[in-house]
Every structure is written in structure tokens, then in C-alpha cells.
Amino acid sequence: SSLPSRLPTDATYALESSLPLPPTAALSWGLGCYSFDACKGSLTRKRNEGAPPKFASLVVPGACDATDTATALSGTFLCRDLINAPAADMGPAELESATRSLAAACGASVSTVE
């Protein structure tokens, strides 16, 4: 799971195997790219804003659905960020804000009961 962070980031890699690669091959690579950066700034994950990549890139294997993999990684990274956030930074208001952001991105709505 640490391979994406250990390989040089100036190249793109492809997985090869004599056996067919499982549909989760790209997901496994992507999970190795998780980094909790919230305590280094904002709780909002800001990717690719002029900074060089921290992880090696992978050509998505043909057996993998790139859209499904990206969706699964996005959801997993959001959950990990919420779980890893210090309790003092993740009160009810912050959790509601994260919920509203997710709902807006998905075209859903949120209502709260007080």
C-alpha cells in the first residue's frame, strides 16, 4: 500500500502480471495515495494546486473501471479525513458542513433537526 509514495513521481507506472489483474488493482494503488493533510492547513482537501504530486501515477489497468475507482477513492478519502480529524476540529457544525458539501456535490439536500 505504500508503493505509490515510494516510487519516483516523475514517471507513470503500469501494472503487469502473467495472471489477469483484478478489477480492484487501481483501487489498491489509489488507497496507497491517501494522506491526511488537514492538520497542515485546512480541513478542505486541496489537490493539485500548483504543488508537485506526492505520489507516483498509475495507468488504470483495462480490468478496472476508472469512474468507479475514482468514486470509491473519493468516498474513502472523505471518510478517512472525517475520522482522522481531531475531535476539536470536528464538532456538530463542521460535520454538518461536510455533509452539506457532499450533498451539494451529489445534487442532494440536507435538513437538520434542532
PDB file of N, CA and C in Angstrom:
ATOM      1  N   SER A   1       0.813  -1.202   0.000  1.00  0.00           N
ATOM      2  CA  SER A   1       0.000   0.000   0.000  1.00  0.00           C
ATOM      3  C   SER A   1       0.854   1.262   0.000  1.00  0.00           C
ATOM      4  N   SER A   2       2.136   1.145   0.267  1.00  0.00           N
ATOM      5  CA  SER A   2       2.987   2.332   0.284  1.00  0.00           C
ATOM      6  C   SER A   2       3.743   2.522  -1.030  1.00  0.00           C
ATOM      7  N   LEU A   3       3.543   1.646  -1.977  1.00  0.00           N
ATOM      8  CA  LEU A   3       4.277   1.727  -3.239  1.00  0.00           C
ATOM      9  C   LEU A   3       4.110   3.075  -3.941  1.00  0.00           C
ATOM     10  N   PRO A   4       2.898   3.642  -4.048  1.00  0.00           N
ATOM     11  CA  PRO A   4       2.767   4.933  -4.735  1.00  0.00           C
ATOM     12  C   PRO A   4       3.582   6.056  -4.100  1.00  0.00           C
ATOM     13  N   SER A   5       3.847   5.973  -2.808  1.00  0.00           N
ATOM     14  CA  SER A   5       4.629   7.020  -2.154  1.00  0.00           C
ATOM     15  C   SER A   5       6.131   6.729  -2.185  1.00  0.00           C
ATOM     16  N   ARG A   6       6.510   5.535  -2.560  1.00  0.00           N
ATOM     17  CA  ARG A   6       7.929   5.165  -2.570  1.00  0.00           C
ATOM     18  C   ARG A   6       8.570   5.257  -3.948  1.00  0.00           C
ATOM     19  N   LEU A   7       7.748   5.223  -4.992  1.00  0.00           N
ATOM     20  CA  LEU A   7       8.293   5.299  -6.345  1.00  0.00           C
ATOM     21  C   LEU A   7       8.500   6.755  -6.746  1.00  0.00           C
ATOM     22  N   PRO A   8       9.437   7.010  -7.657  1.00  0.00           N
ATOM     23  CA  PRO A   8       9.623   8.383  -8.145  1.00  0.00           C
ATOM     24  C   PRO A   8       8.322   8.914  -8.768  1.00  0.00           C
ATOM     25  N   THR A   9       8.043  10.185  -8.537  1.00  0.00           N
ATOM     26  CA  THR A   9       6.783  10.775  -9.015  1.00  0.00           C
ATOM     27  C   THR A   9       6.890  11.362 -10.415  1.00  0.00           C
ATOM     28  N   ASP A  10       8.063  11.303 -11.024  1.00  0.00           N
ATOM     29  CA  ASP A  10       8.233  11.890 -12.359  1.00  0.00           C
ATOM     30  C   ASP A  10       7.977  10.893 -13.487  1.00  0.00           C
ATOM     31  N   ALA A  11       7.349   9.762 -13.174  1.00  0.00           N
ATOM     32  CA  ALA A  11       7.044   8.749 -14.178  1.00  0.00           C
ATOM     33  C   ALA A  11       5.634   8.209 -13.933  1.00  0.00           C
ATOM     34  N   THR A  12       5.077   7.580 -14.954  1.00  0.00           N
ATOM     35  CA  THR A  12       3.775   6.920 -14.835  1.00  0.00           C
ATOM     36  C   THR A  12       4.034   5.421 -14.932  1.00  0.00           C
ATOM     37  N   TYR A  13       3.370   4.669 -14.073  1.00  0.00           N
ATOM     38  CA  TYR A  13       3.615   3.239 -13.981  1.00  0.00           C
ATOM     39  C   TYR A  13       2.417   2.438 -14.477  1.00  0.00           C
ATOM     40  N   ALA A  14       2.680   1.218 -14.912  1.00  0.00           N
ATOM     41  CA  ALA A  14       1.637   0.292 -15.339  1.00  0.00           C
ATOM     42  C   ALA A  14       1.863  -1.033 -14.610  1.00  0.00           C
ATOM     43  N   LEU A  15       0.784  -1.659 -14.184  1.00  0.00           N
ATOM     44  CA  LEU A  15       0.879  -2.951 -13.515  1.00  0.00           C
ATOM     45  C   LEU A  15       0.896  -4.049 -14.575  1.00  0.00           C
ATOM     46  N   GLU A  16       1.784  -5.013 -14.393  1.00  0.00           N
ATOM     47  CA  GLU A  16       1.864  -6.141 -15.311  1.00  0.00           C
ATOM     48  C   GLU A  16       1.829  -7.429 -14.505  1.00  0.00           C
ATOM     49  N   SER A  17       1.194  -8.428 -15.081  1.00  0.00           N
ATOM     50  CA  SER A  17       1.093  -9.718 -14.412  1.00  0.00           C
ATOM     51  C   SER A  17       0.832 -10.791 -15.456  1.00  0.00           C
ATOM     52  N   SER A  18       1.319 -11.997 -15.181  1.00  0.00           N
ATOM     53  CA  SER A  18       1.014 -13.116 -16.083  1.00  0.00           C
ATOM     54  C   SER A  18      -0.433 -13.573 -15.887  1.00  0.00           C
ATOM     55  N   LEU A  19      -1.010 -13.217 -14.750  1.00  0.00           N
ATOM     56  CA  LEU A  19      -2.420 -13.510 -14.469  1.00  0.00           C
ATOM     57  C   LEU A  19      -3.241 -12.253 -14.710  1.00  0.00           C
ATOM     58  N   PRO A  20      -4.530 -12.404 -14.986  1.00  0.00           N
ATOM     59  CA  PRO A  20      -5.354 -11.200 -15.164  1.00  0.00           C
ATOM     60  C   PRO A  20      -5.369 -10.360 -13.883  1.00  0.00           C
ATOM     61  N   LEU A  21      -5.271  -9.047 -14.059  1.00  0.00           N
ATOM     62  CA  LEU A  21      -5.324  -8.149 -12.904  1.00  0.00           C
ATOM     63  C   LEU A  21      -6.757  -8.060 -12.397  1.00  0.00           C
ATOM     64  N   PRO A  22      -6.941  -8.027 -11.096  1.00  0.00           N
ATOM     65  CA  PRO A  22      -8.298  -7.909 -10.556  1.00  0.00           C
ATOM     66  C   PRO A  22      -8.860  -6.516 -10.819  1.00  0.00           C
ATOM     67  N   PRO A  23     -10.186  -6.385 -10.881  1.00  0.00           N
ATOM     68  CA  PRO A  23     -10.804  -5.076 -11.101  1.00  0.00           C
ATOM     69  C   PRO A  23     -10.446  -4.051 -10.016  1.00  0.00           C
ATOM     70  N   THR A  24      -9.986  -4.513  -8.882  1.00  0.00           N
ATOM     71  CA  THR A  24      -9.642  -3.610  -7.775  1.00  0.00           C
ATOM     72  C   THR A  24      -8.170  -3.189  -7.779  1.00  0.00           C
ATOM     73  N   ALA A  25      -7.422  -3.512  -8.827  1.00  0.00           N
ATOM     74  CA  ALA A  25      -5.987  -3.194  -8.852  1.00  0.00           C
ATOM     75  C   ALA A  25      -5.745  -1.692  -8.727  1.00  0.00           C
ATOM     76  N   ALA A  26      -6.481  -0.886  -9.480  1.00  0.00           N
ATOM     77  CA  ALA A  26      -6.285   0.570  -9.409  1.00  0.00           C
ATOM     78  C   ALA A  26      -6.764   1.116  -8.062  1.00  0.00           C
ATOM     79  N   LEU A  27      -7.809   0.511  -7.500  1.00  0.00           N
ATOM     80  CA  LEU A  27      -8.297   0.933  -6.186  1.00  0.00           C
ATOM     81  C   LEU A  27      -7.209   0.711  -5.135  1.00  0.00           C
ATOM     82  N   SER A  28      -6.548  -0.420  -5.195  1.00  0.00           N
ATOM     83  CA  SER A  28      -5.469  -0.712  -4.244  1.00  0.00           C
ATOM     84  C   SER A  28      -4.360   0.325  -4.351  1.00  0.00           C
ATOM     85  N   TRP A  29      -3.994   0.670  -5.579  1.00  0.00           N
ATOM     86  CA  TRP A  29      -2.963   1.693  -5.788  1.00  0.00           C
ATOM     87  C   TRP A  29      -3.433   3.031  -5.208  1.00  0.00           C
ATOM     88  N   GLY A  30      -4.671   3.390  -5.523  1.00  0.00           N
ATOM     89  CA  GLY A  30      -5.224   4.660  -5.055  1.00  0.00           C
ATOM     90  C   GLY A  30      -5.289   4.763  -3.544  1.00  0.00           C
ATOM     91  N   LEU A  31      -5.631   3.671  -2.877  1.00  0.00           N
ATOM     92  CA  LEU A  31      -5.693   3.686  -1.416  1.00  0.00           C
ATOM     93  C   LEU A  31      -4.319   3.973  -0.814  1.00  0.00           C
ATOM     94  N   GLY A  32      -3.274   3.566  -1.527  1.00  0.00           N
ATOM     95  CA  GLY A  32      -1.917   3.851  -1.074  1.00  0.00           C
ATOM     96  C   GLY A  32      -1.533   5.310  -1.245  1.00  0.00           C
ATOM     97  N   CYS A  33      -2.377   6.088  -1.908  1.00  0.00           N
ATOM     98  CA  CYS A  33      -2.110   7.515  -2.139  1.00  0.00           C
ATOM     99  C   CYS A  33      -2.785   8.414  -1.113  1.00  0.00           C
ATOM    100  N   TYR A  34      -3.416   7.838  -0.116  1.00  0.00           N
ATOM    101  CA  TYR A  34      -4.101   8.671   0.877  1.00  0.00           C
ATOM    102  C   TYR A  34      -3.090   9.342   1.796  1.00  0.00           C
ATOM    103  N   SER A  35      -3.356  10.600   2.084  1.00  0.00           N
ATOM    104  CA  SER A  35      -2.536  11.353   3.019  1.00  0.00           C
ATOM    105  C   SER A  35      -3.438  12.312   3.773  1.00  0.00           C
ATOM    106  N   PHE A  36      -3.381  12.300   5.088  1.00  0.00           N
ATOM    107  CA  PHE A  36      -4.195  13.213   5.891  1.00  0.00           C
ATOM    108  C   PHE A  36      -3.431  14.512   6.049  1.00  0.00           C
ATOM    109  N   ASP A  37      -3.890  15.533   5.348  1.00  0.00           N
ATOM    110  CA  ASP A  37      -3.192  16.813   5.331  1.00  0.00           C
ATOM    111  C   ASP A  37      -3.921  17.904   6.110  1.00  0.00           C
ATOM    112  N   ALA A  38      -5.037  17.580   6.730  1.00  0.00           N
ATOM    113  CA  ALA A  38      -5.867  18.609   7.364  1.00  0.00           C
ATOM    114  C   ALA A  38      -5.126  19.367   8.457  1.00  0.00           C
ATOM    115  N   CYS A  39      -4.304  18.701   9.206  1.00  0.00           N
ATOM    116  CA  CYS A  39      -3.605  19.383  10.301  1.00  0.00           C
ATOM    117  C   CYS A  39      -2.467  20.253   9.788  1.00  0.00           C
ATOM    118  N   LYS A  40      -2.211  20.179   8.482  1.00  0.00           N
ATOM    119  CA  LYS A  40      -1.178  21.011   7.873  1.00  0.00           C
ATOM    120  C   LYS A  40      -1.787  22.275   7.279  1.00  0.00           C
ATOM    121  N   GLY A  41      -3.080  22.475   7.482  1.00  0.00           N
ATOM    122  CA  GLY A  41      -3.744  23.652   6.917  1.00  0.00           C
ATOM    123  C   GLY A  41      -5.227  23.578   7.177  1.00  0.00           C
ATOM    124  N   SER A  42      -5.972  23.473   6.123  1.00  0.00           N
ATOM    125  CA  SER A  42      -7.428  23.488   6.198  1.00  0.00           C
ATOM    126  C   SER A  42      -7.974  22.070   6.169  1.00  0.00           C
ATOM    127  N   LEU A  43      -9.182  21.882   6.682  1.00  0.00           N
ATOM    128  CA  LEU A  43      -9.826  20.579   6.594  1.00  0.00           C
ATOM    129  C   LEU A  43     -10.261  20.263   5.172  1.00  0.00           C
ATOM    130  N   THR A  44     -10.242  21.235   4.300  1.00  0.00           N
ATOM    131  CA  THR A  44     -10.626  21.014   2.914  1.00  0.00           C
ATOM    132  C   THR A  44      -9.424  20.461   2.165  1.00  0.00           C
ATOM    133  N   ARG A  45      -9.604  19.317   1.560  1.00  0.00           N
ATOM    134  CA  ARG A  45      -8.527  18.695   0.800  1.00  0.00           C
ATOM    135  C   ARG A  45      -8.352  19.473  -0.500  1.00  0.00           C
ATOM    136  N   LYS A  46      -7.161  20.014  -0.701  1.00  0.00           N
ATOM    137  CA  LYS A  46      -6.884  20.787  -1.906  1.00  0.00           C
ATOM    138  C   LYS A  46      -5.815  20.051  -2.688  1.00  0.00           C
ATOM    139  N   ARG A  47      -6.224  19.445  -3.781  1.00  0.00           N
ATOM    140  CA  ARG A  47      -5.302  18.665  -4.593  1.00  0.00           C
ATOM    141  C   ARG A  47      -4.840  19.469  -5.804  1.00  0.00           C
ATOM    142  N   ASN A  48      -3.627  19.208  -6.206  1.00  0.00           N
ATOM    143  CA  ASN A  48      -3.096  19.727  -7.457  1.00  0.00           C
ATOM    144  C   ASN A  48      -3.188  21.247  -7.583  1.00  0.00           C
ATOM    145  N   GLU A  49      -2.908  21.981  -6.569  1.00  0.00           N
ATOM    146  CA  GLU A  49      -2.920  23.436  -6.656  1.00  0.00           C
ATOM    147  C   GLU A  49      -1.497  23.954  -6.809  1.00  0.00           C
ATOM    148  N   GLY A  50      -0.867  23.577  -7.907  1.00  0.00           N
ATOM    149  CA  GLY A  50       0.472  24.060  -8.188  1.00  0.00           C
ATOM    150  C   GLY A  50       1.582  23.269  -7.520  1.00  0.00           C
ATOM    151  N   ALA A  51       1.232  22.378  -6.629  1.00  0.00           N
ATOM    152  CA  ALA A  51       2.249  21.590  -5.926  1.00  0.00           C
ATOM    153  C   ALA A  51       2.582  20.348  -6.748  1.00  0.00           C
ATOM    154  N   PRO A  52       3.834  19.915  -6.681  1.00  0.00           N
ATOM    155  CA  PRO A  52       4.174  18.676  -7.394  1.00  0.00           C
ATOM    156  C   PRO A  52       3.449  17.494  -6.751  1.00  0.00           C
ATOM    157  N   PRO A  53       3.163  16.453  -7.524  1.00  0.00           N
ATOM    158  CA  PRO A  53       2.464  15.295  -6.956  1.00  0.00           C
ATOM    159  C   PRO A  53       3.304  14.621  -5.877  1.00  0.00           C
ATOM    160  N   LYS A  54       2.602  14.104  -4.858  1.00  0.00           N
ATOM    161  CA  LYS A  54       3.292  13.405  -3.779  1.00  0.00           C
ATOM    162  C   LYS A  54       3.388  11.911  -4.051  1.00  0.00           C
ATOM    163  N   PHE A  55       2.643  11.446  -5.062  1.00  0.00           N
ATOM    164  CA  PHE A  55       2.567  10.018  -5.319  1.00  0.00           C
ATOM    165  C   PHE A  55       2.823   9.714  -6.793  1.00  0.00           C
ATOM    166  N   ALA A  56       3.316   8.520  -7.039  1.00  0.00           N
ATOM    167  CA  ALA A  56       3.528   8.069  -8.413  1.00  0.00           C
ATOM    168  C   ALA A  56       2.185   7.831  -9.092  1.00  0.00           C
ATOM    169  N   SER A  57       2.133   8.052 -10.392  1.00  0.00           N
ATOM    170  CA  SER A  57       0.900   7.880 -11.173  1.00  0.00           C
ATOM    171  C   SER A  57       0.822   6.468 -11.742  1.00  0.00           C
ATOM    172  N   LEU A  58      -0.405   6.016 -11.932  1.00  0.00           N
ATOM    173  CA  LEU A  58      -0.654   4.675 -12.458  1.00  0.00           C
ATOM    174  C   LEU A  58      -1.533   4.762 -13.693  1.00  0.00           C
ATOM    175  N   VAL A  59      -1.186   4.007 -14.729  1.00  0.00           N
ATOM    176  CA  VAL A  59      -2.080   3.822 -15.862  1.00  0.00           C
ATOM    177  C   VAL A  59      -3.155   2.862 -15.374  1.00  0.00           C
ATOM    178  N   VAL A  60      -4.418   3.261 -15.492  1.00  0.00           N
ATOM    179  CA  VAL A  60      -5.500   2.406 -14.991  1.00  0.00           C
ATOM    180  C   VAL A  60      -5.564   1.147 -15.845  1.00  0.00           C
ATOM    181  N   PRO A  61      -5.422  -0.020 -15.213  1.00  0.00           N
ATOM    182  CA  PRO A  61      -5.484  -1.279 -15.967  1.00  0.00           C
ATOM    183  C   PRO A  61      -6.845  -1.453 -16.647  1.00  0.00           C
ATOM    184  N   GLY A  62      -6.846  -2.142 -17.782  1.00  0.00           N
ATOM    185  CA  GLY A  62      -8.070  -2.349 -18.547  1.00  0.00           C
ATOM    186  C   GLY A  62      -9.186  -3.029 -17.763  1.00  0.00           C
ATOM    187  N   ALA A  63      -8.829  -3.850 -16.778  1.00  0.00           N
ATOM    188  CA  ALA A  63      -9.841  -4.559 -15.989  1.00  0.00           C
ATOM    189  C   ALA A  63     -10.549  -3.644 -14.998  1.00  0.00           C
ATOM    190  N   CYS A  64     -10.042  -2.441 -14.824  1.00  0.00           N
ATOM    191  CA  CYS A  64     -10.574  -1.521 -13.818  1.00  0.00           C
ATOM    192  C   CYS A  64     -11.451  -0.459 -14.473  1.00  0.00           C
ATOM    193  N   ASP A  65     -12.547  -0.127 -13.826  1.00  0.00           N
ATOM    194  CA  ASP A  65     -13.407   0.958 -14.275  1.00  0.00           C
ATOM    195  C   ASP A  65     -12.919   2.236 -13.596  1.00  0.00           C
ATOM    196  N   ALA A  66     -12.362   3.162 -14.375  1.00  0.00           N
ATOM    197  CA  ALA A  66     -11.755   4.372 -13.809  1.00  0.00           C
ATOM    198  C   ALA A  66     -12.770   5.213 -13.043  1.00  0.00           C
ATOM    199  N   THR A  67     -13.995   5.308 -13.535  1.00  0.00           N
ATOM    200  CA  THR A  67     -15.016   6.114 -12.863  1.00  0.00           C
ATOM    201  C   THR A  67     -15.394   5.498 -11.525  1.00  0.00           C
ATOM    202  N   ASP A  68     -15.635   4.194 -11.509  1.00  0.00           N
ATOM    203  CA  ASP A  68     -15.966   3.515 -10.249  1.00  0.00           C
ATOM    204  C   ASP A  68     -14.821   3.625  -9.246  1.00  0.00           C
ATOM    205  N   THR A  69     -13.594   3.483  -9.739  1.00  0.00           N
ATOM    206  CA  THR A  69     -12.434   3.573  -8.859  1.00  0.00           C
ATOM    207  C   THR A  69     -12.324   4.975  -8.262  1.00  0.00           C
ATOM    208  N   ALA A  70     -12.495   6.009  -9.083  1.00  0.00           N
ATOM    209  CA  ALA A  70     -12.410   7.390  -8.588  1.00  0.00           C
ATOM    210  C   ALA A  70     -13.506   7.676  -7.567  1.00  0.00           C
ATOM    211  N   THR A  71     -14.703   7.166  -7.805  1.00  0.00           N
ATOM    212  CA  THR A  71     -15.809   7.371  -6.867  1.00  0.00           C
ATOM    213  C   THR A  71     -15.517   6.685  -5.537  1.00  0.00           C
ATOM    214  N   ALA A  72     -15.039   5.458  -5.592  1.00  0.00           N
ATOM    215  CA  ALA A  72     -14.725   4.720  -4.364  1.00  0.00           C
ATOM    216  C   ALA A  72     -13.600   5.411  -3.586  1.00  0.00           C
ATOM    217  N   LEU A  73     -12.588   5.895  -4.293  1.00  0.00           N
ATOM    218  CA  LEU A  73     -11.485   6.583  -3.624  1.00  0.00           C
ATOM    219  C   LEU A  73     -11.939   7.898  -3.005  1.00  0.00           C
ATOM    220  N   SER A  74     -12.752   8.635  -3.721  1.00  0.00           N
ATOM    221  CA  SER A  74     -13.251   9.909  -3.189  1.00  0.00           C
ATOM    222  C   SER A  74     -14.032   9.691  -1.894  1.00  0.00           C
ATOM    223  N   GLY A  75     -14.916   8.711  -1.897  1.00  0.00           N
ATOM    224  CA  GLY A  75     -15.693   8.410  -0.687  1.00  0.00           C
ATOM    225  C   GLY A  75     -14.825   7.911   0.453  1.00  0.00           C
ATOM    226  N   THR A  76     -13.868   7.072   0.133  1.00  0.00           N
ATOM    227  CA  THR A  76     -12.972   6.541   1.158  1.00  0.00           C
ATOM    228  C   THR A  76     -12.099   7.647   1.754  1.00  0.00           C
ATOM    229  N   PHE A  77     -11.576   8.526   0.899  1.00  0.00           N
ATOM    230  CA  PHE A  77     -10.744   9.630   1.391  1.00  0.00           C
ATOM    231  C   PHE A  77     -11.555  10.578   2.262  1.00  0.00           C
ATOM    232  N   LEU A  78     -12.807  10.855   1.878  1.00  0.00           N
ATOM    233  CA  LEU A  78     -13.648  11.716   2.710  1.00  0.00           C
ATOM    234  C   LEU A  78     -13.872  11.074   4.079  1.00  0.00           C
ATOM    235  N   CYS A  79     -14.205   9.792   4.096  1.00  0.00           N
ATOM    236  CA  CYS A  79     -14.413   9.097   5.379  1.00  0.00           C
ATOM    237  C   CYS A  79     -13.149   9.122   6.225  1.00  0.00           C
ATOM    238  N   ARG A  80     -12.016   8.847   5.604  1.00  0.00           N
ATOM    239  CA  ARG A  80     -10.756   8.854   6.353  1.00  0.00           C
ATOM    240  C   ARG A  80     -10.458  10.242   6.909  1.00  0.00           C
ATOM    241  N   ASP A  81     -10.712  11.288   6.100  1.00  0.00           N
ATOM    242  CA  ASP A  81     -10.478  12.657   6.582  1.00  0.00           C
ATOM    243  C   ASP A  81     -11.359  12.968   7.784  1.00  0.00           C
ATOM    244  N   LEU A  82     -12.628  12.570   7.719  1.00  0.00           N
ATOM    245  CA  LEU A  82     -13.545  12.835   8.836  1.00  0.00           C
ATOM    246  C   LEU A  82     -13.130  12.058  10.084  1.00  0.00           C
ATOM    247  N   ILE A  83     -12.710  10.833   9.894  1.00  0.00           N
ATOM    248  CA  ILE A  83     -12.287  10.006  11.031  1.00  0.00           C
ATOM    249  C   ILE A  83     -10.984  10.526  11.633  1.00  0.00           C
ATOM    250  N   ASN A  84     -10.055  10.963  10.790  1.00  0.00           N
ATOM    251  CA  ASN A  84      -8.748  11.412  11.268  1.00  0.00           C
ATOM    252  C   ASN A  84      -8.746  12.831  11.808  1.00  0.00           C
ATOM    253  N   ALA A  85      -9.792  13.597  11.543  1.00  0.00           N
ATOM    254  CA  ALA A  85      -9.837  14.976  12.032  1.00  0.00           C
ATOM    255  C   ALA A  85      -9.849  14.976  13.557  1.00  0.00           C
ATOM    256  N   PRO A  86      -9.059  15.842  14.171  1.00  0.00           N
ATOM    257  CA  PRO A  86      -9.083  15.940  15.630  1.00  0.00           C
ATOM    258  C   PRO A  86     -10.500  16.279  16.113  1.00  0.00           C
ATOM    259  N   ALA A  87     -10.881  15.716  17.230  1.00  0.00           N
ATOM    260  CA  ALA A  87     -12.237  15.930  17.758  1.00  0.00           C
ATOM    261  C   ALA A  87     -12.552  17.410  17.927  1.00  0.00           C
ATOM    262  N   ALA A  88     -11.574  18.204  18.297  1.00  0.00           N
ATOM    263  CA  ALA A  88     -11.790  19.637  18.491  1.00  0.00           C
ATOM    264  C   ALA A  88     -12.102  20.355  17.173  1.00  0.00           C
ATOM    265  N   ASP A  89     -11.733  19.740  16.048  1.00  0.00           N
ATOM    266  CA  ASP A  89     -11.979  20.335  14.731  1.00  0.00           C
ATOM    267  C   ASP A  89     -13.199  19.746  14.036  1.00  0.00           C
ATOM    268  N   MET A  90     -13.866  18.784  14.662  1.00  0.00           N
ATOM    269  CA  MET A  90     -14.969  18.101  14.004  1.00  0.00           C
ATOM    270  C   MET A  90     -16.181  18.029  14.930  1.00  0.00           C
ATOM    271  N   GLY A  91     -16.686  19.187  15.267  1.00  0.00           N
ATOM    272  CA  GLY A  91     -17.896  19.260  16.071  1.00  0.00           C
ATOM    273  C   GLY A  91     -19.129  19.140  15.195  1.00  0.00           C
ATOM    274  N   PRO A  92     -20.300  19.297  15.777  1.00  0.00           N
ATOM    275  CA  PRO A  92     -21.544  19.195  15.008  1.00  0.00           C
ATOM    276  C   PRO A  92     -21.606  20.147  13.811  1.00  0.00           C
ATOM    277  N   ALA A  93     -21.164  21.383  13.978  1.00  0.00           N
ATOM    278  CA  ALA A  93     -21.220  22.353  12.875  1.00  0.00           C
ATOM    279  C   ALA A  93     -20.314  21.932  11.721  1.00  0.00           C
ATOM    280  N   GLU A  94     -19.125  21.432  12.034  1.00  0.00           N
ATOM    281  CA  GLU A  94     -18.190  21.006  10.993  1.00  0.00           C
ATOM    282  C   GLU A  94     -18.690  19.742  10.290  1.00  0.00           C
ATOM    283  N   LEU A  95     -19.275  18.828  11.054  1.00  0.00           N
ATOM    284  CA  LEU A  95     -19.827  17.620  10.452  1.00  0.00           C
ATOM    285  C   LEU A  95     -21.013  17.966   9.549  1.00  0.00           C
ATOM    286  N   GLU A  96     -21.844  18.900   9.985  1.00  0.00           N
ATOM    287  CA  GLU A  96     -22.961  19.347   9.141  1.00  0.00           C
ATOM    288  C   GLU A  96     -22.433  19.993   7.861  1.00  0.00           C
ATOM    289  N   SER A  97     -21.395  20.799   7.977  1.00  0.00           N
ATOM    290  CA  SER A  97     -20.809  21.444   6.805  1.00  0.00           C
ATOM    291  C   SER A  97     -20.283  20.407   5.812  1.00  0.00           C
ATOM    292  N   ALA A  98     -19.600  19.382   6.310  1.00  0.00           N
ATOM    293  CA  ALA A  98     -19.088  18.319   5.442  1.00  0.00           C
ATOM    294  C   ALA A  98     -20.245  17.578   4.777  1.00  0.00           C
ATOM    295  N   THR A  99     -21.323  17.356   5.527  1.00  0.00           N
ATOM    296  CA  THR A  99     -22.498  16.677   4.981  1.00  0.00           C
ATOM    297  C   THR A  99     -23.144  17.520   3.894  1.00  0.00           C
ATOM    298  N   ARG A 100     -23.277  18.810   4.142  1.00  0.00           N
ATOM    299  CA  ARG A 100     -23.876  19.710   3.145  1.00  0.00           C
ATOM    300  C   ARG A 100     -23.016  19.798   1.888  1.00  0.00           C
ATOM    301  N   SER A 101     -21.705  19.821   2.039  1.00  0.00           N
ATOM    302  CA  SER A 101     -20.812  19.853   0.873  1.00  0.00           C
ATOM    303  C   SER A 101     -20.965  18.593   0.033  1.00  0.00           C
ATOM    304  N   LEU A 102     -21.013  17.448   0.692  1.00  0.00           N
ATOM    305  CA  LEU A 102     -21.189  16.188  -0.020  1.00  0.00           C
ATOM    306  C   LEU A 102     -22.543  16.154  -0.724  1.00  0.00           C
ATOM    307  N   ALA A 103     -23.587  16.575  -0.023  1.00  0.00           N
ATOM    308  CA  ALA A 103     -24.928  16.589  -0.621  1.00  0.00           C
ATOM    309  C   ALA A 103     -24.964  17.505  -1.839  1.00  0.00           C
ATOM    310  N   ALA A 104     -24.369  18.673  -1.740  1.00  0.00           N
ATOM    311  CA  ALA A 104     -24.359  19.616  -2.865  1.00  0.00           C
ATOM    312  C   ALA A 104     -23.634  19.014  -4.065  1.00  0.00           C
ATOM    313  N   ALA A 105     -22.527  18.340  -3.817  1.00  0.00           N
ATOM    314  CA  ALA A 105     -21.774  17.725  -4.898  1.00  0.00           C
ATOM    315  C   ALA A 105     -22.553  16.607  -5.578  1.00  0.00           C
ATOM    316  N   CYS A 106     -23.467  16.003  -4.846  1.00  0.00           N
ATOM    317  CA  CYS A 106     -24.247  14.884  -5.388  1.00  0.00           C
ATOM    318  C   CYS A 106     -25.648  15.295  -5.830  1.00  0.00           C
ATOM    319  N   GLY A 107     -25.949  16.582  -5.726  1.00  0.00           N
ATOM    320  CA  GLY A 107     -27.283  17.058  -6.110  1.00  0.00           C
ATOM    321  C   GLY A 107     -28.358  16.675  -5.124  1.00  0.00           C
ATOM    322  N   ALA A 108     -27.988  16.480  -3.883  1.00  0.00           N
ATOM    323  CA  ALA A 108     -28.948  16.105  -2.829  1.00  0.00           C
ATOM    324  C   ALA A 108     -29.163  17.286  -1.907  1.00  0.00           C
ATOM    325  N   SER A 109     -30.076  17.122  -0.972  1.00  0.00           N
ATOM    326  CA  SER A 109     -30.312  18.178   0.005  1.00  0.00           C
ATOM    327  C   SER A 109     -30.215  17.594   1.400  1.00  0.00           C
ATOM    328  N   VAL A 110     -30.020  18.475   2.362  1.00  0.00           N
ATOM    329  CA  VAL A 110     -29.884  18.072   3.767  1.00  0.00           C
ATOM    330  C   VAL A 110     -30.802  18.957   4.587  1.00  0.00           C
ATOM    331  N   SER A 111     -31.465  18.354   5.542  1.00  0.00           N
ATOM    332  CA  SER A 111     -32.215  19.144   6.510  1.00  0.00           C
ATOM    333  C   SER A 111     -31.795  18.696   7.897  1.00  0.00           C
ATOM    334  N   THR A 112     -31.737  19.645   8.802  1.00  0.00           N
ATOM    335  CA  THR A 112     -31.333  19.328  10.173  1.00  0.00           C
ATOM    336  C   THR A 112     -32.479  19.545  11.124  1.00  0.00           C
ATOM    337  N   VAL A 113     -32.460  18.795  12.200  1.00  0.00           N
ATOM    338  CA  VAL A 113     -33.459  18.921  13.255  1.00  0.00           C
ATOM    339  C   VAL A 113     -32.725  19.431  14.487  1.00  0.00           C
ATOM    340  N   GLU A 114     -33.234  20.499  15.054  1.00  0.00           N
ATOM    341  CA  GLU A 114     -32.558  21.073  16.231  1.00  0.00           C
ATOM    342  C   GLU A 114     -33.390  20.878  17.462  1.00  0.00           C
TER     343      GLU A 114
END
